Amino acid sequence: MTREVFVAGGTPKQTYNPRQASRIEQELDRYLEGSGKALTIYGPSKSGKTSLVERKLPKENHIWVQGQDIQTLEDFWKQIAAQIRVANSEIEGASKERGTEESIGGGIGIPKIIHAETSSKDVERSSEKAESTFEIHLAEKVRKSLSKNKYPVIVDDFHYIPDGVKKSISRAIKSIIRDSPLILIAVPSEAFEVVSSEPEMNLRVWSVPIPHWEEEELRQIAIRGFELLNIDDSVNNIASLLASYSYSSPYIMQQLCLDLIRWEHQIEETLSAEKPLSLAGPSDLKTFLSESAERARWGILPKLLAGPAGSNRVDLTIRDGHTNTDIYGAVLVALKNLTPPLNHTEREVYQEVNRICTKSVQTVQVSNALEGMHKIADREKGDSDPVLRRRDKMVFIEDSGFAFYLNHGSWSPLKKSNGSNP
């Protein structure tokens, strides 16, 4: 099935690219063969961080914890305990006879590799069957189980954990990595600063950045998928064309391949006879990219255009098409023109704003607009990553999917007559 060949939003099995040239899988293997350190993996959203780890440590039989589910240190221990079937309380009965009773830990467990954990204790057996529940030290129980069984622990989206809680978890990590692999995955590298700054974690953190995806690496995704579906791309080289519009993102490459094969060519499964692939011309390419972008509309873009409530902004006119807008619309158009790459200096944005506008704009206006967008993106991120960040006079478009929509979606910086943006 086509949707099983090209997978956007999950870990592809048939078109996964191990990226042999970057040796990133070998780096992960080297870590897993060692011990005593925490591994941090970081890179932009949709760059393949989770897929890399999941290929080696599948979620169905390893311990995966989601950062957005951790608001306290207790949440951290409970999430792990539930998966390795460690209970946070035990039942003790009273009786006249002395003996030994085993209690089985509760929890959802991990299929295939983890079984119920038992604990022994002396009890008295009685016909009265009186029982009492007592609390146990959950963290200690989890540590013992991890030490005994060497289960790898993966914390995905580590950057979602509140900063104060990260510090507590950093201290807890020390007691885990002595015996079990522990992998932290995040979008910005700065998310791990609190871990690295913990005194006893010096030299105990192994960092692996996700390398920039080259177009040839992305092209291999399409080539492999086309072969599986019996599609001939030898003449038109559509694989290279799609790779050039994927913003260094395997997620976007998978999505473009899926959209082209399934929606444009109505190919649902492997063809019985080889078929050549085509995309007629520049106008068809523009329409295809636009339609693909519109399938994932970004509701945050109108909010970025509107900017913070209650602020008075000078009207601006963009030279191309004489579009009336303000500083927020002009900055977004500038970011569109500058992207890719996904990271820009504020000076680059300032220069581009002044190039496209008929009226001169001050540096502080651009800086204030970028800071306003940073705050809006952080406030509106929900359960995903903020689409952009401003830090140290740099602008980071953190989500390649947003960059794709910014360039190919049907949004406009045009201001409505009442002064609000569409």
Protein backbone atom coordinates (compact mmCIF):
# COMPACT_ATOMS: atom_id res chain seq x y z
CA MET A 1 0.00 0.00 0.00
CA THR A 2 1.26 3.49 -0.88
CA ARG A 3 0.52 4.87 2.58
CA GLU A 4 2.70 2.13 4.07
CA VAL A 5 5.58 2.98 1.72
CA PHE A 6 5.57 6.74 2.31
CA VAL A 7 4.84 7.59 5.95
CA ALA A 8 4.59 11.18 7.21
CA GLY A 9 4.22 11.57 10.96
CA GLY A 10 5.51 8.14 11.95
CA THR A 11 8.54 5.92 11.56
CA PRO A 12 8.65 4.56 7.99
CA LYS A 13 9.70 0.95 7.68
CA GLN A 14 10.15 0.65 3.92
CA THR A 15 11.59 4.06 3.05
CA TYR A 16 13.60 4.77 6.19
CA ASN A 17 17.04 6.17 5.31
CA PRO A 18 19.78 5.04 7.75
CA ARG A 19 22.03 7.89 6.54
CA GLN A 20 25.19 5.82 6.36
CA ALA A 21 27.33 8.80 5.33
CA SER A 22 26.57 10.69 8.54
CA ARG A 23 27.18 7.56 10.66
CA ILE A 24 24.44 8.67 13.03
CA GLU A 25 23.11 5.14 13.58
CA GLN A 26 26.63 3.97 14.38
CA GLU A 27 26.85 6.73 16.97
CA LEU A 28 23.67 5.45 18.61
CA ASP A 29 25.00 1.88 18.52
CA ARG A 30 28.25 2.95 20.18
CA TYR A 31 26.29 4.57 22.99
CA LEU A 32 24.10 1.52 23.56
CA GLU A 33 27.17 -0.69 23.75
CA GLY A 34 28.64 1.45 26.54
CA SER A 35 27.27 2.50 29.93
CA GLY A 36 27.33 5.18 32.57
CA LYS A 37 26.22 8.10 30.40
CA ALA A 38 23.03 9.81 29.28
CA LEU A 39 22.58 10.32 25.53
CA THR A 40 21.05 13.60 24.29
CA ILE A 41 19.75 13.75 20.72
CA TYR A 42 18.64 17.10 19.36
CA GLY A 43 17.65 18.73 16.09
CA PRO A 44 14.85 20.69 14.40
CA SER A 45 11.27 19.49 14.48
CA LYS A 46 10.55 16.79 11.86
CA SER A 47 14.25 16.06 11.30
CA GLY A 48 13.98 12.35 12.17
CA LYS A 49 15.13 12.31 15.82
CA THR A 50 12.39 10.05 17.12
CA SER A 51 12.46 7.78 14.05
CA LEU A 52 16.20 7.25 14.53
CA VAL A 53 15.78 6.03 18.10
CA GLU A 54 12.56 4.10 17.48
CA ARG A 55 14.23 2.04 14.74
CA LYS A 56 16.72 0.75 17.33
CA LEU A 57 14.44 0.78 20.39
CA PRO A 58 10.80 0.23 19.27
CA LYS A 59 8.12 1.77 21.47
CA GLU A 60 6.21 -1.49 21.86
CA ASN A 61 8.96 -3.14 23.87
CA HIS A 62 11.03 -0.37 25.41
CA ILE A 63 10.34 2.35 27.95
CA TRP A 64 9.24 5.56 26.21
CA VAL A 65 8.19 8.58 28.26
CA GLN A 66 6.71 11.73 26.71
CA GLY A 67 7.99 15.06 28.01
CA GLN A 68 4.56 16.71 27.86
CA ASP A 69 3.29 14.09 30.34
CA ILE A 70 5.86 15.09 32.97
CA GLN A 71 4.99 18.06 35.16
CA THR A 72 6.64 16.83 38.36
CA LEU A 73 9.48 14.49 39.34
CA GLU A 74 6.82 12.10 40.65
CA ASP A 75 5.31 11.97 37.14
CA PHE A 76 8.69 10.87 35.79
CA TRP A 77 8.94 7.91 38.17
CA LYS A 78 5.27 6.98 37.73
CA GLN A 79 5.56 6.93 33.92
CA ILE A 80 8.47 4.50 34.09
CA ALA A 81 6.91 2.43 36.90
CA ALA A 82 3.68 1.91 34.93
CA GLN A 83 5.60 0.45 32.00
CA ILE A 84 7.78 -1.93 34.02
CA ARG A 85 4.91 -2.97 36.29
CA VAL A 86 6.19 -1.55 39.55
CA ALA A 87 3.39 -0.74 42.01
CA ASN A 88 3.46 2.24 44.36
CA SER A 89 1.73 0.33 47.17
CA GLU A 90 1.53 -3.21 48.50
CA ILE A 91 -1.02 -5.25 50.43
CA GLU A 92 -0.08 -6.78 53.76
CA GLY A 93 -2.32 -9.31 55.52
CA ALA A 94 -2.44 -10.29 59.21
CA SER A 95 -2.64 -13.91 60.44
CA LYS A 96 -1.51 -16.29 63.18
CA GLU A 97 0.89 -18.22 60.95
CA ARG A 98 4.15 -16.77 59.73
CA GLY A 99 4.99 -17.17 56.09
CA THR A 100 6.09 -15.45 52.90
CA GLU A 101 3.73 -13.77 50.47
CA GLU A 102 4.45 -12.38 47.02
CA SER A 103 2.70 -9.29 45.73
CA ILE A 104 2.65 -8.49 42.05
CA GLY A 105 3.34 -4.95 40.92
CA GLY A 106 0.62 -3.24 38.92
CA GLY A 107 0.87 -1.15 35.74
CA ILE A 108 0.22 -1.40 32.03
CA GLY A 109 3.53 -3.11 31.32
CA ILE A 110 5.51 -3.36 28.10
CA PRO A 111 4.51 -6.23 25.82
CA LYS A 112 7.05 -8.83 24.73
CA ILE A 113 9.87 -8.08 27.17
CA ILE A 114 8.55 -7.02 30.57
CA HIS A 115 6.70 -9.27 32.99
CA ALA A 116 5.06 -8.58 36.33
CA GLU A 117 7.59 -7.86 39.04
CA THR A 118 7.15 -9.60 42.38
CA SER A 119 8.28 -8.66 45.85
CA SER A 120 8.53 -10.98 48.85
CA LYS A 121 7.78 -10.19 52.47
CA ASP A 122 7.02 -12.03 55.66
CA VAL A 123 3.36 -12.02 56.63
CA GLU A 124 1.10 -13.76 59.11
CA ARG A 125 -1.76 -15.77 57.66
CA SER A 126 -5.12 -15.59 59.40
CA SER A 127 -8.65 -16.71 58.82
CA GLU A 128 -9.63 -13.09 59.50
CA LYS A 129 -8.01 -12.05 56.21
CA ALA A 130 -7.34 -8.56 57.55
CA GLU A 131 -5.42 -6.45 55.05
CA SER A 132 -3.69 -3.08 55.11
CA THR A 133 -2.12 -1.05 52.29
CA PHE A 134 1.23 0.66 52.77
CA GLU A 135 3.18 2.99 50.49
CA ILE A 136 6.56 2.05 49.12
CA HIS A 137 9.37 4.27 47.85
CA LEU A 138 8.49 4.20 44.14
CA ALA A 139 11.71 5.75 42.87
CA GLU A 140 13.79 3.18 44.73
CA LYS A 141 11.69 0.31 43.36
CA VAL A 142 12.06 1.65 39.81
CA ARG A 143 15.81 2.04 40.18
CA LYS A 144 16.17 -1.52 41.43
CA SER A 145 14.12 -2.88 38.54
CA LEU A 146 16.07 -0.89 35.96
CA SER A 147 19.35 -1.98 37.52
CA LYS A 148 18.31 -5.61 37.46
CA ASN A 149 16.89 -5.71 33.94
CA LYS A 150 18.92 -3.00 32.11
CA TYR A 151 15.83 -1.56 30.40
CA PRO A 152 16.64 1.44 28.13
CA VAL A 153 14.62 4.56 29.02
CA ILE A 154 13.80 7.14 26.34
CA VAL A 155 12.37 10.58 27.19
CA ASP A 156 10.96 12.11 24.00
CA ASP A 157 10.31 15.87 23.73
CA PHE A 158 12.43 16.54 26.81
CA HIS A 159 12.12 20.29 26.16
CA TYR A 160 8.45 20.18 27.20
CA ILE A 161 9.36 19.40 30.81
CA PRO A 162 9.23 22.52 33.04
CA ASP A 163 12.71 23.90 33.74
CA GLY A 164 12.46 23.39 37.50
CA VAL A 165 11.46 19.76 37.01
CA LYS A 166 14.30 19.21 34.52
CA LYS A 167 16.77 19.98 37.31
CA SER A 168 15.20 17.37 39.59
CA ILE A 169 15.16 14.83 36.78
CA SER A 170 18.81 15.58 36.03
CA ARG A 171 19.66 14.49 39.55
CA ALA A 172 17.49 11.39 39.20
CA ILE A 173 19.21 10.48 35.94
CA LYS A 174 22.49 9.89 37.77
CA SER A 175 21.01 6.91 39.59
CA ILE A 176 19.66 5.40 36.35
CA ILE A 177 22.58 5.66 33.96
CA ARG A 178 24.87 3.58 36.15
CA ASP A 179 23.05 0.49 34.90
CA SER A 180 20.56 1.42 32.15
CA PRO A 181 20.81 3.42 28.92
CA LEU A 182 18.88 6.69 29.10
CA ILE A 183 18.18 8.78 25.99
CA LEU A 184 16.79 12.33 25.97
CA ILE A 185 15.32 13.74 22.73
CA ALA A 186 14.60 17.44 22.22
CA VAL A 187 14.27 20.17 19.60
CA PRO A 188 16.83 22.77 20.75
CA SER A 189 20.19 21.78 22.18
CA GLU A 190 19.62 24.33 24.95
CA ALA A 191 17.00 22.01 26.45
CA PHE A 192 19.82 19.90 27.89
CA GLU A 193 21.77 22.75 29.52
CA VAL A 194 20.25 22.02 32.91
CA VAL A 195 21.38 18.39 32.62
CA SER A 196 24.92 19.24 31.57
CA SER A 197 25.25 21.89 34.29
CA GLU A 198 24.48 19.42 37.07
CA PRO A 199 27.92 18.99 38.79
CA GLU A 200 27.88 15.21 38.97
CA MET A 201 26.82 14.94 35.32
CA ASN A 202 30.16 16.28 34.07
CA LEU A 203 31.49 13.90 31.40
CA ARG A 204 28.32 11.80 31.76
CA VAL A 205 26.37 13.35 28.87
CA TRP A 206 26.91 12.10 25.33
CA SER A 207 25.45 14.57 22.78
CA VAL A 208 24.42 13.70 19.24
CA PRO A 209 23.01 16.46 16.97
CA ILE A 210 20.89 15.38 14.02
CA PRO A 211 22.95 16.35 10.95
CA HIS A 212 21.45 18.55 8.27
CA TRP A 213 19.67 16.39 5.68
CA GLU A 214 21.29 16.71 2.27
CA GLU A 215 19.08 16.65 -0.82
CA GLU A 216 20.65 13.38 -1.94
CA GLU A 217 19.63 11.74 1.35
CA LEU A 218 16.07 12.95 0.87
CA ARG A 219 16.10 11.83 -2.76
CA GLN A 220 16.91 8.30 -1.65
CA ILE A 221 13.60 8.19 0.24
CA ALA A 222 11.70 8.78 -3.00
CA ILE A 223 13.88 6.46 -5.08
CA ARG A 224 13.33 3.57 -2.67
CA GLY A 225 9.59 4.19 -2.51
CA PHE A 226 9.20 4.51 -6.28
CA GLU A 227 10.99 1.20 -6.77
CA LEU A 228 8.69 -0.53 -4.30
CA LEU A 229 5.62 0.84 -6.12
CA ASN A 230 7.03 -0.03 -9.58
CA ILE A 231 7.25 3.63 -10.64
CA ASP A 232 9.85 4.79 -13.19
CA ASP A 233 11.45 8.15 -12.38
CA SER A 234 14.51 7.78 -14.61
CA VAL A 235 13.42 10.38 -17.17
CA ASN A 236 11.91 13.27 -15.22
CA ASN A 237 13.87 12.86 -11.95
CA ILE A 238 10.92 13.96 -9.81
CA ALA A 239 12.75 12.60 -6.73
CA SER A 240 15.35 15.36 -6.99
CA LEU A 241 12.69 18.00 -7.55
CA LEU A 242 10.74 17.01 -4.44
CA ALA A 243 13.94 16.84 -2.37
CA SER A 244 14.73 20.45 -3.31
CA TYR A 245 11.41 21.57 -1.77
CA SER A 246 11.63 19.51 1.42
CA TYR A 247 13.46 22.03 3.64
CA SER A 248 15.93 19.42 4.83
CA SER A 249 13.04 17.47 6.39
CA PRO A 250 12.40 13.75 5.86
CA TYR A 251 8.86 14.35 7.15
CA ILE A 252 8.11 16.81 4.34
CA MET A 253 9.79 14.55 1.78
CA GLN A 254 7.60 11.64 2.84
CA GLN A 255 4.51 13.87 2.69
CA LEU A 256 5.30 15.23 -0.79
CA CYS A 257 5.92 11.73 -2.13
CA LEU A 258 2.67 10.49 -0.61
CA ASP A 259 0.68 13.47 -1.96
CA LEU A 260 2.14 13.09 -5.45
CA ILE A 261 1.71 9.33 -5.76
CA ARG A 262 -1.56 8.83 -3.92
CA TRP A 263 -3.49 12.03 -4.62
CA GLU A 264 -2.09 13.27 -7.93
CA HIS A 265 -1.59 9.87 -9.61
CA GLN A 266 -4.17 7.83 -7.62
CA ILE A 267 -1.69 5.00 -7.03
CA GLU A 268 -2.79 3.09 -3.94
CA GLU A 269 -0.58 0.00 -4.22
CA THR A 270 2.32 -1.50 -6.17
CA LEU A 271 1.63 -1.38 -9.91
CA SER A 272 1.54 -4.57 -11.94
CA ALA A 273 3.41 -2.84 -14.77
CA GLU A 274 6.04 -0.13 -14.50
CA LYS A 275 4.71 3.40 -14.96
CA PRO A 276 6.69 6.59 -15.69
CA LEU A 277 6.24 9.49 -13.26
CA SER A 278 5.64 13.06 -14.40
CA LEU A 279 4.77 16.54 -13.22
CA ALA A 280 3.86 18.51 -16.34
CA GLY A 281 5.41 21.94 -15.79
CA PRO A 282 6.22 24.88 -13.47
CA SER A 283 2.55 25.86 -13.11
CA ASP A 284 1.63 22.31 -12.15
CA LEU A 285 4.51 22.21 -9.64
CA LYS A 286 3.35 25.47 -8.03
CA THR A 287 -0.21 24.18 -7.77
CA PHE A 288 0.94 20.84 -6.38
CA LEU A 289 3.09 22.49 -3.68
CA SER A 290 0.28 24.86 -2.76
CA GLU A 291 -2.28 22.08 -2.48
CA SER A 292 0.11 20.01 -0.39
CA ALA A 293 0.73 22.97 1.94
CA GLU A 294 -2.99 23.67 2.29
CA ARG A 295 -3.68 20.13 3.49
CA ALA A 296 -2.00 21.15 6.74
CA ARG A 297 -3.16 24.73 7.31
CA TRP A 298 -1.35 26.51 10.09
CA GLY A 299 -3.84 28.32 12.29
CA ILE A 300 -1.04 30.17 14.04
CA LEU A 301 -0.12 32.21 10.96
CA PRO A 302 -3.08 34.64 11.25
CA LYS A 303 -2.16 35.10 14.93
CA LEU A 304 1.43 35.94 14.01
CA LEU A 305 0.14 38.40 11.42
CA ALA A 306 -2.16 40.07 13.94
CA GLY A 307 0.61 40.41 16.53
CA PRO A 308 -0.01 41.29 20.19
CA ALA A 309 -3.37 42.84 20.98
CA GLY A 310 -3.54 46.58 21.61
CA SER A 311 -0.37 47.64 19.82
CA ASN A 312 -0.37 50.53 17.35
CA ARG A 313 1.67 49.88 14.24
CA VAL A 314 2.60 52.00 11.23
CA ASP A 315 1.16 50.93 7.88
CA LEU A 316 3.68 49.60 5.38
CA THR A 317 3.49 48.84 1.69
CA ILE A 318 5.31 45.91 0.09
CA ARG A 319 6.73 46.72 -3.34
CA ASP A 320 5.66 43.50 -5.06
CA GLY A 321 1.96 43.97 -5.75
CA HIS A 322 1.78 47.09 -3.57
CA THR A 323 0.35 45.11 -0.67
CA ASN A 324 -0.73 47.14 2.37
CA THR A 325 0.45 45.57 5.63
CA ASP A 326 2.31 46.44 8.85
CA ILE A 327 5.58 45.40 10.49
CA TYR A 328 4.26 41.91 11.35
CA GLY A 329 3.19 41.20 7.80
CA ALA A 330 6.43 42.63 6.42
CA VAL A 331 8.56 40.49 8.76
CA LEU A 332 6.68 37.33 7.76
CA VAL A 333 7.17 38.12 4.08
CA ALA A 334 10.86 38.70 4.78
CA LEU A 335 11.12 35.33 6.56
CA LYS A 336 9.37 33.70 3.60
CA ASN A 337 11.89 35.23 1.19
CA LEU A 338 14.89 34.23 3.34
CA THR A 339 13.78 30.62 3.97
CA PRO A 340 15.42 28.18 3.47
CA PRO A 341 17.66 28.02 5.47
CA LEU A 342 15.60 27.95 8.67
CA ASN A 343 17.84 30.17 10.83
CA HIS A 344 18.42 33.89 10.24
CA THR A 345 20.09 36.79 12.00
CA GLU A 346 17.90 39.73 12.98
CA ARG A 347 20.07 41.89 10.75
CA GLU A 348 19.21 39.70 7.75
CA VAL A 349 15.51 40.07 8.52
CA TYR A 350 15.89 43.84 9.00
CA GLN A 351 17.67 44.20 5.66
CA GLU A 352 15.06 42.11 3.84
CA VAL A 353 12.18 44.09 5.38
CA ASN A 354 13.73 47.33 4.14
CA ARG A 355 14.34 45.83 0.71
CA ILE A 356 10.70 44.83 0.19
CA CYS A 357 9.02 47.88 1.77
CA THR A 358 8.54 51.30 0.18
CA LYS A 359 9.13 53.01 3.55
CA SER A 360 12.24 52.72 5.73
CA VAL A 361 11.85 50.57 8.85
CA GLN A 362 13.92 50.89 12.03
CA THR A 363 15.86 48.02 13.59
CA VAL A 364 13.89 48.23 16.83
CA GLN A 365 10.62 47.74 14.95
CA VAL A 366 11.87 44.46 13.48
CA SER A 367 13.26 43.32 16.85
CA ASN A 368 10.00 44.09 18.63
CA ALA A 369 7.97 42.26 15.98
CA LEU A 370 10.19 39.18 16.21
CA GLU A 371 9.92 39.19 20.00
CA GLY A 372 6.13 39.48 19.71
CA MET A 373 6.04 36.52 17.33
CA HIS A 374 8.30 34.53 19.66
CA LYS A 375 5.85 35.03 22.53
CA ILE A 376 2.81 34.22 20.38
CA ALA A 377 4.45 31.04 19.04
CA ASP A 378 5.33 29.91 22.56
CA ARG A 379 1.84 30.65 23.85
CA GLU A 380 0.13 28.85 20.98
CA LYS A 381 2.40 25.79 20.77
CA GLY A 382 -0.07 23.45 22.48
CA ASP A 383 1.23 19.86 22.40
CA SER A 384 3.71 20.61 19.61
CA ASP A 385 6.86 22.69 19.28
CA PRO A 386 6.71 26.48 18.81
CA VAL A 387 7.02 27.28 15.13
CA LEU A 388 9.72 29.88 15.71
CA ARG A 389 12.00 31.24 18.40
CA ARG A 390 14.01 34.41 18.88
CA ARG A 391 17.24 34.12 20.82
CA ASP A 392 20.54 36.06 20.91
CA LYS A 393 19.53 38.21 17.92
CA MET A 394 18.76 35.10 15.89
CA VAL A 395 15.45 33.83 14.53
CA PHE A 396 14.97 30.06 14.41
CA ILE A 397 12.09 28.59 12.39
CA GLU A 398 11.80 25.44 14.48
CA ASP A 399 9.22 23.62 12.37
CA SER A 400 10.07 22.80 8.77
CA GLY A 401 6.36 22.18 8.13
CA PHE A 402 5.63 25.80 9.05
CA ALA A 403 8.47 26.94 6.77
CA PHE A 404 6.90 24.93 3.93
CA TYR A 405 3.48 26.51 4.52
CA LEU A 406 5.02 29.98 4.83
CA ASN A 407 6.46 29.57 1.33
CA HIS A 408 3.68 27.66 -0.42
CA GLY A 409 0.47 28.23 1.54
CA SER A 410 -2.22 30.66 0.35
CA TRP A 411 -1.82 33.24 3.13
CA SER A 412 -1.49 36.97 2.50
CA PRO A 413 0.00 39.85 4.54
CA LEU A 414 -2.78 42.13 3.23
CA LYS A 415 -4.50 44.15 5.96
CA LYS A 416 -8.27 44.29 6.08
CA SER A 417 -9.99 47.68 5.95
CA ASN A 418 -10.63 47.64 9.70
CA GLY A 419 -6.90 47.40 10.36
CA SER A 420 -6.75 43.73 11.32
CA ASN A 421 -4.85 41.08 9.42
CA PRO A 422 -6.61 38.12 7.70
